[in-house]
Amino acid sequence: MSAFFESIALNFDFPILDWIAQHLRCGFLDAVMPIITLLGDGGIFWILLAAALLIFPKTRKIGLTMGAALLIGLLVCNVTMKPLFARIRPYDLKAQMGQSIQLLIDAQHDFSFPSGHTL
């Protein structure tokens, strides 16, 4: 399966990453997007929102539902699927090939698929 994901990276991910790096750089967004990305790290924003919803009786059911969805997502995505697919991040594959890409955030150390931010 590793060869399959490397093929996807070479034929799909790399051209997109290279195009973004060459054409979509913007000083303002390069400063703002890491902050927005930080909100998704570890699901902290969504965990805090679910906790806040639990405080008020009117929104408690939504908070419980949201908390359950976060827990199910964690188990399905991070505990089950990421180790199952074990897809390394495209920038790590580029580094193995002797190429580099300038990242706006610190390199992540888990597998790339499925994306926690997308979850």
N, C-alpha and C. Protein backbone atom coordinates (compact mmCIF):
# COMPACT_ATOMS: atom_id res chain seq x y z
N MET A 1 0.82 -1.19 0.00
CA MET A 1 0.00 0.00 0.00
C MET A 1 0.87 1.25 0.00
N SER A 2 2.05 1.17 0.56
CA SER A 2 2.97 2.31 0.60
C SER A 2 3.30 2.81 -0.80
N ALA A 3 3.53 1.88 -1.73
CA ALA A 3 3.84 2.28 -3.11
C ALA A 3 2.66 2.99 -3.75
N PHE A 4 1.45 2.56 -3.41
CA PHE A 4 0.26 3.21 -3.93
C PHE A 4 0.18 4.67 -3.47
N PHE A 5 0.43 4.90 -2.17
CA PHE A 5 0.37 6.27 -1.64
C PHE A 5 1.51 7.13 -2.18
N GLU A 6 2.68 6.53 -2.37
CA GLU A 6 3.79 7.29 -2.96
C GLU A 6 3.44 7.69 -4.39
N SER A 7 2.77 6.81 -5.12
CA SER A 7 2.35 7.13 -6.48
C SER A 7 1.36 8.29 -6.48
N ILE A 8 0.42 8.27 -5.53
CA ILE A 8 -0.53 9.38 -5.41
C ILE A 8 0.22 10.67 -5.10
N ALA A 9 1.17 10.60 -4.19
CA ALA A 9 1.94 11.79 -3.82
C ALA A 9 2.68 12.35 -5.02
N LEU A 10 3.35 11.48 -5.77
CA LEU A 10 4.13 11.94 -6.92
C LEU A 10 3.26 12.53 -8.01
N ASN A 11 2.12 11.93 -8.27
CA ASN A 11 1.29 12.34 -9.40
C ASN A 11 0.19 13.34 -9.05
N PHE A 12 -0.16 13.44 -7.80
CA PHE A 12 -1.27 14.30 -7.41
C PHE A 12 -0.85 15.35 -6.39
N ASP A 13 -0.32 14.91 -5.23
CA ASP A 13 0.01 15.84 -4.14
C ASP A 13 1.13 16.82 -4.52
N PHE A 14 2.23 16.30 -5.05
CA PHE A 14 3.38 17.17 -5.33
C PHE A 14 3.06 18.29 -6.30
N PRO A 15 2.39 18.02 -7.42
CA PRO A 15 2.07 19.14 -8.32
C PRO A 15 1.20 20.20 -7.64
N ILE A 16 0.27 19.79 -6.80
CA ILE A 16 -0.57 20.75 -6.10
C ILE A 16 0.24 21.54 -5.09
N LEU A 17 1.06 20.85 -4.30
CA LEU A 17 1.90 21.54 -3.31
C LEU A 17 2.84 22.52 -3.99
N ASP A 18 3.46 22.10 -5.08
CA ASP A 18 4.39 22.97 -5.78
C ASP A 18 3.67 24.19 -6.36
N TRP A 19 2.48 23.98 -6.92
CA TRP A 19 1.72 25.09 -7.49
C TRP A 19 1.33 26.09 -6.41
N ILE A 20 0.87 25.58 -5.27
CA ILE A 20 0.50 26.46 -4.15
C ILE A 20 1.71 27.26 -3.69
N ALA A 21 2.85 26.58 -3.52
CA ALA A 21 4.06 27.26 -3.06
C ALA A 21 4.52 28.35 -4.03
N GLN A 22 4.32 28.14 -5.32
CA GLN A 22 4.77 29.09 -6.33
C GLN A 22 3.77 30.22 -6.59
N HIS A 23 2.47 29.96 -6.42
CA HIS A 23 1.48 30.94 -6.86
C HIS A 23 0.58 31.53 -5.77
N LEU A 24 0.49 30.90 -4.64
CA LEU A 24 -0.47 31.36 -3.64
C LEU A 24 0.16 31.90 -2.36
N ARG A 25 1.41 32.24 -2.41
CA ARG A 25 2.05 32.84 -1.23
C ARG A 25 1.54 34.27 -1.07
N CYS A 26 1.23 34.63 0.16
CA CYS A 26 0.73 35.97 0.47
C CYS A 26 1.16 36.28 1.90
N GLY A 27 1.89 37.37 2.08
CA GLY A 27 2.40 37.71 3.41
C GLY A 27 1.32 37.72 4.49
N PHE A 28 0.18 38.34 4.17
CA PHE A 28 -0.90 38.43 5.14
C PHE A 28 -1.44 37.05 5.50
N LEU A 29 -1.79 36.25 4.48
CA LEU A 29 -2.33 34.92 4.74
C LEU A 29 -1.29 33.97 5.32
N ASP A 30 -0.02 34.15 4.95
CA ASP A 30 1.03 33.32 5.52
C ASP A 30 1.14 33.55 7.03
N ALA A 31 0.72 34.72 7.50
CA ALA A 31 0.72 35.01 8.94
C ALA A 31 -0.57 34.56 9.61
N VAL A 32 -1.70 34.69 8.90
CA VAL A 32 -3.01 34.39 9.49
C VAL A 32 -3.32 32.89 9.51
N MET A 33 -3.00 32.18 8.43
CA MET A 33 -3.40 30.77 8.33
C MET A 33 -2.79 29.86 9.41
N PRO A 34 -1.53 30.06 9.83
CA PRO A 34 -1.05 29.23 10.94
C PRO A 34 -1.85 29.42 12.22
N ILE A 35 -2.38 30.61 12.43
CA ILE A 35 -3.21 30.86 13.61
C ILE A 35 -4.53 30.10 13.47
N ILE A 36 -5.12 30.16 12.30
CA ILE A 36 -6.37 29.43 12.06
C ILE A 36 -6.14 27.93 12.18
N THR A 37 -5.02 27.46 11.64
CA THR A 37 -4.68 26.04 11.73
C THR A 37 -4.52 25.61 13.18
N LEU A 38 -3.96 26.49 14.01
CA LEU A 38 -3.77 26.19 15.42
C LEU A 38 -5.09 25.86 16.11
N LEU A 39 -6.19 26.48 15.66
CA LEU A 39 -7.49 26.21 16.25
C LEU A 39 -7.91 24.75 16.06
N GLY A 40 -7.44 24.12 15.00
CA GLY A 40 -7.81 22.73 14.74
C GLY A 40 -6.89 21.72 15.39
N ASP A 41 -5.72 22.16 15.86
CA ASP A 41 -4.76 21.23 16.45
C ASP A 41 -5.33 20.55 17.69
N GLY A 42 -5.34 19.25 17.65
CA GLY A 42 -5.82 18.46 18.78
C GLY A 42 -7.30 18.61 19.03
N GLY A 43 -8.01 19.31 18.13
CA GLY A 43 -9.44 19.51 18.30
C GLY A 43 -9.80 20.41 19.46
N ILE A 44 -8.82 21.18 19.96
CA ILE A 44 -9.03 21.96 21.18
C ILE A 44 -10.21 22.93 21.06
N PHE A 45 -10.35 23.59 19.91
CA PHE A 45 -11.46 24.52 19.72
C PHE A 45 -12.79 23.80 19.86
N TRP A 46 -12.91 22.64 19.21
CA TRP A 46 -14.18 21.89 19.22
C TRP A 46 -14.44 21.27 20.58
N ILE A 47 -13.40 20.85 21.27
CA ILE A 47 -13.56 20.31 22.63
C ILE A 47 -14.07 21.39 23.57
N LEU A 48 -13.47 22.58 23.47
CA LEU A 48 -13.90 23.70 24.33
C LEU A 48 -15.33 24.11 23.99
N LEU A 49 -15.68 24.11 22.71
CA LEU A 49 -17.05 24.45 22.31
C LEU A 49 -18.03 23.43 22.86
N ALA A 50 -17.71 22.15 22.75
CA ALA A 50 -18.59 21.11 23.29
C ALA A 50 -18.75 21.27 24.79
N ALA A 51 -17.64 21.55 25.48
CA ALA A 51 -17.69 21.74 26.94
C ALA A 51 -18.56 22.95 27.29
N ALA A 52 -18.41 24.04 26.53
CA ALA A 52 -19.23 25.23 26.78
C ALA A 52 -20.71 24.93 26.56
N LEU A 53 -21.01 24.16 25.55
CA LEU A 53 -22.41 23.80 25.28
C LEU A 53 -23.01 22.94 26.39
N LEU A 54 -22.16 22.18 27.08
CA LEU A 54 -22.64 21.33 28.18
C LEU A 54 -23.08 22.14 29.40
N ILE A 55 -22.59 23.35 29.50
CA ILE A 55 -22.88 24.18 30.68
C ILE A 55 -24.35 24.57 30.76
N PHE A 56 -24.93 24.92 29.63
CA PHE A 56 -26.29 25.43 29.61
C PHE A 56 -27.30 24.32 29.29
N PRO A 57 -28.34 24.19 30.11
CA PRO A 57 -29.32 23.12 29.88
C PRO A 57 -29.93 23.13 28.48
N LYS A 58 -30.14 24.32 27.92
CA LYS A 58 -30.75 24.43 26.59
C LYS A 58 -29.87 23.82 25.49
N THR A 59 -28.54 23.85 25.66
CA THR A 59 -27.61 23.35 24.63
C THR A 59 -26.89 22.08 25.06
N ARG A 60 -27.27 21.54 26.21
CA ARG A 60 -26.56 20.36 26.74
C ARG A 60 -26.63 19.17 25.80
N LYS A 61 -27.77 18.93 25.19
CA LYS A 61 -27.91 17.79 24.27
C LYS A 61 -26.97 17.96 23.07
N ILE A 62 -26.86 19.18 22.55
CA ILE A 62 -25.93 19.45 21.44
C ILE A 62 -24.49 19.21 21.90
N GLY A 63 -24.15 19.66 23.11
CA GLY A 63 -22.81 19.45 23.65
C GLY A 63 -22.47 17.98 23.79
N LEU A 64 -23.43 17.18 24.29
CA LEU A 64 -23.22 15.73 24.41
C LEU A 64 -23.04 15.08 23.05
N THR A 65 -23.87 15.49 22.10
CA THR A 65 -23.77 14.94 20.74
C THR A 65 -22.43 15.30 20.12
N MET A 66 -22.03 16.54 20.30
CA MET A 66 -20.75 16.99 19.75
C MET A 66 -19.58 16.24 20.41
N GLY A 67 -19.64 16.07 21.72
CA GLY A 67 -18.60 15.34 22.43
C GLY A 67 -18.51 13.89 21.96
N ALA A 68 -19.67 13.26 21.75
CA ALA A 68 -19.70 11.88 21.26
C ALA A 68 -19.11 11.81 19.85
N ALA A 69 -19.46 12.78 19.00
CA ALA A 69 -18.93 12.80 17.64
C ALA A 69 -17.41 12.98 17.65
N LEU A 70 -16.91 13.82 18.53
CA LEU A 70 -15.45 14.01 18.64
C LEU A 70 -14.77 12.73 19.10
N LEU A 71 -15.36 12.05 20.07
CA LEU A 71 -14.79 10.81 20.57
C LEU A 71 -14.80 9.71 19.50
N ILE A 72 -15.92 9.58 18.80
CA ILE A 72 -16.01 8.59 17.72
C ILE A 72 -15.01 8.92 16.62
N GLY A 73 -14.91 10.19 16.26
CA GLY A 73 -13.95 10.62 15.25
C GLY A 73 -12.52 10.30 15.65
N LEU A 74 -12.19 10.53 16.92
CA LEU A 74 -10.85 10.22 17.43
C LEU A 74 -10.56 8.73 17.28
N LEU A 75 -11.52 7.90 17.69
CA LEU A 75 -11.31 6.45 17.62
C LEU A 75 -11.22 5.95 16.17
N VAL A 76 -12.11 6.43 15.32
CA VAL A 76 -12.12 5.97 13.93
C VAL A 76 -10.91 6.53 13.17
N CYS A 77 -10.66 7.81 13.29
CA CYS A 77 -9.61 8.46 12.50
C CYS A 77 -8.21 8.20 13.07
N ASN A 78 -7.97 8.69 14.28
CA ASN A 78 -6.60 8.67 14.83
C ASN A 78 -6.16 7.30 15.34
N VAL A 79 -7.07 6.57 15.93
CA VAL A 79 -6.69 5.29 16.53
C VAL A 79 -6.74 4.15 15.51
N THR A 80 -7.70 4.20 14.58
CA THR A 80 -7.88 3.09 13.65
C THR A 80 -7.31 3.37 12.26
N MET A 81 -7.82 4.41 11.59
CA MET A 81 -7.48 4.61 10.18
C MET A 81 -6.05 5.12 9.94
N LYS A 82 -5.57 6.07 10.75
CA LYS A 82 -4.21 6.58 10.50
C LYS A 82 -3.16 5.46 10.56
N PRO A 83 -3.16 4.64 11.60
CA PRO A 83 -2.19 3.54 11.61
C PRO A 83 -2.45 2.51 10.51
N LEU A 84 -3.70 2.30 10.15
CA LEU A 84 -4.04 1.33 9.11
C LEU A 84 -3.47 1.76 7.76
N PHE A 85 -3.69 3.01 7.38
CA PHE A 85 -3.20 3.50 6.09
C PHE A 85 -1.73 3.91 6.15
N ALA A 86 -1.29 4.42 7.29
CA ALA A 86 0.12 4.80 7.52
C ALA A 86 0.70 5.63 6.37
N ARG A 87 -0.05 6.61 5.91
CA ARG A 87 0.41 7.46 4.81
C ARG A 87 1.24 8.61 5.36
N ILE A 88 2.52 8.64 4.97
CA ILE A 88 3.38 9.71 5.45
C ILE A 88 2.97 11.02 4.79
N ARG A 89 3.32 12.09 5.42
CA ARG A 89 2.96 13.41 4.91
C ARG A 89 3.76 13.70 3.64
N PRO A 90 3.15 14.37 2.67
CA PRO A 90 3.85 14.64 1.41
C PRO A 90 5.18 15.38 1.60
N TYR A 91 5.25 16.31 2.55
CA TYR A 91 6.53 17.01 2.74
C TYR A 91 7.60 16.09 3.33
N ASP A 92 7.20 15.08 4.08
CA ASP A 92 8.18 14.10 4.56
C ASP A 92 8.69 13.24 3.41
N LEU A 93 7.80 12.88 2.49
CA LEU A 93 8.22 12.10 1.31
C LEU A 93 9.15 12.94 0.44
N LYS A 94 8.84 14.22 0.29
CA LYS A 94 9.74 15.11 -0.47
C LYS A 94 11.12 15.16 0.19
N ALA A 95 11.14 15.23 1.50
CA ALA A 95 12.42 15.27 2.22
C ALA A 95 13.21 13.99 1.99
N GLN A 96 12.52 12.84 1.97
CA GLN A 96 13.19 11.57 1.70
C GLN A 96 13.77 11.55 0.30
N MET A 97 13.17 12.31 -0.60
CA MET A 97 13.64 12.36 -1.99
C MET A 97 14.67 13.47 -2.21
N GLY A 98 15.06 14.14 -1.12
CA GLY A 98 16.07 15.18 -1.21
C GLY A 98 15.52 16.54 -1.61
N GLN A 99 14.21 16.70 -1.59
CA GLN A 99 13.58 17.98 -1.90
C GLN A 99 13.03 18.57 -0.61
N SER A 100 12.78 19.86 -0.64
CA SER A 100 12.21 20.48 0.56
C SER A 100 11.07 21.40 0.16
N ILE A 101 10.24 21.70 1.14
CA ILE A 101 9.15 22.63 0.96
C ILE A 101 9.12 23.49 2.22
N GLN A 102 8.91 24.79 2.03
CA GLN A 102 8.85 25.70 3.15
C GLN A 102 7.48 25.58 3.81
N LEU A 103 7.46 25.18 5.07
CA LEU A 103 6.20 25.03 5.80
C LEU A 103 5.91 26.28 6.61
N LEU A 104 4.65 26.60 6.75
CA LEU A 104 4.24 27.75 7.55
C LEU A 104 4.07 27.38 9.03
N ILE A 105 3.93 26.08 9.30
CA ILE A 105 3.78 25.60 10.67
C ILE A 105 4.85 24.54 10.92
N ASP A 106 5.01 24.15 12.17
CA ASP A 106 5.96 23.08 12.49
C ASP A 106 5.51 21.78 11.83
N ALA A 107 6.47 20.99 11.42
CA ALA A 107 6.16 19.70 10.80
C ALA A 107 5.40 18.82 11.80
N GLN A 108 4.38 18.16 11.31
CA GLN A 108 3.59 17.24 12.12
C GLN A 108 4.27 15.87 12.11
N HIS A 109 4.05 15.10 13.16
CA HIS A 109 4.77 13.83 13.28
C HIS A 109 3.87 12.60 13.22
N ASP A 110 2.60 12.81 12.88
CA ASP A 110 1.73 11.65 12.71
C ASP A 110 1.50 11.43 11.22
N PHE A 111 0.72 10.42 10.90
CA PHE A 111 0.43 10.15 9.50
C PHE A 111 -0.54 11.19 8.96
N SER A 112 -0.57 11.31 7.63
CA SER A 112 -1.35 12.39 7.02
C SER A 112 -2.78 12.03 6.66
N PHE A 113 -3.10 10.76 6.57
CA PHE A 113 -4.43 10.38 6.13
C PHE A 113 -5.08 9.45 7.13
N PRO A 114 -6.32 9.70 7.49
CA PRO A 114 -7.16 10.84 7.14
C PRO A 114 -6.80 12.05 7.99
N SER A 115 -7.10 13.21 7.46
CA SER A 115 -6.75 14.47 8.10
C SER A 115 -7.57 14.72 9.33
N GLY A 116 -6.91 15.04 10.41
CA GLY A 116 -7.62 15.40 11.63
C GLY A 116 -8.40 16.70 11.48
N HIS A 117 -7.86 17.64 10.72
CA HIS A 117 -8.57 18.90 10.49
C HIS A 117 -9.85 18.64 9.70
N THR A 118 -9.79 17.75 8.76
CA THR A 118 -10.99 17.44 7.98
C THR A 118 -12.03 16.75 8.85
N LEU A 119 -11.56 15.90 9.74
CA LEU A 119 -12.48 15.22 10.65
C LEU A 119 -13.25 16.23 11.43
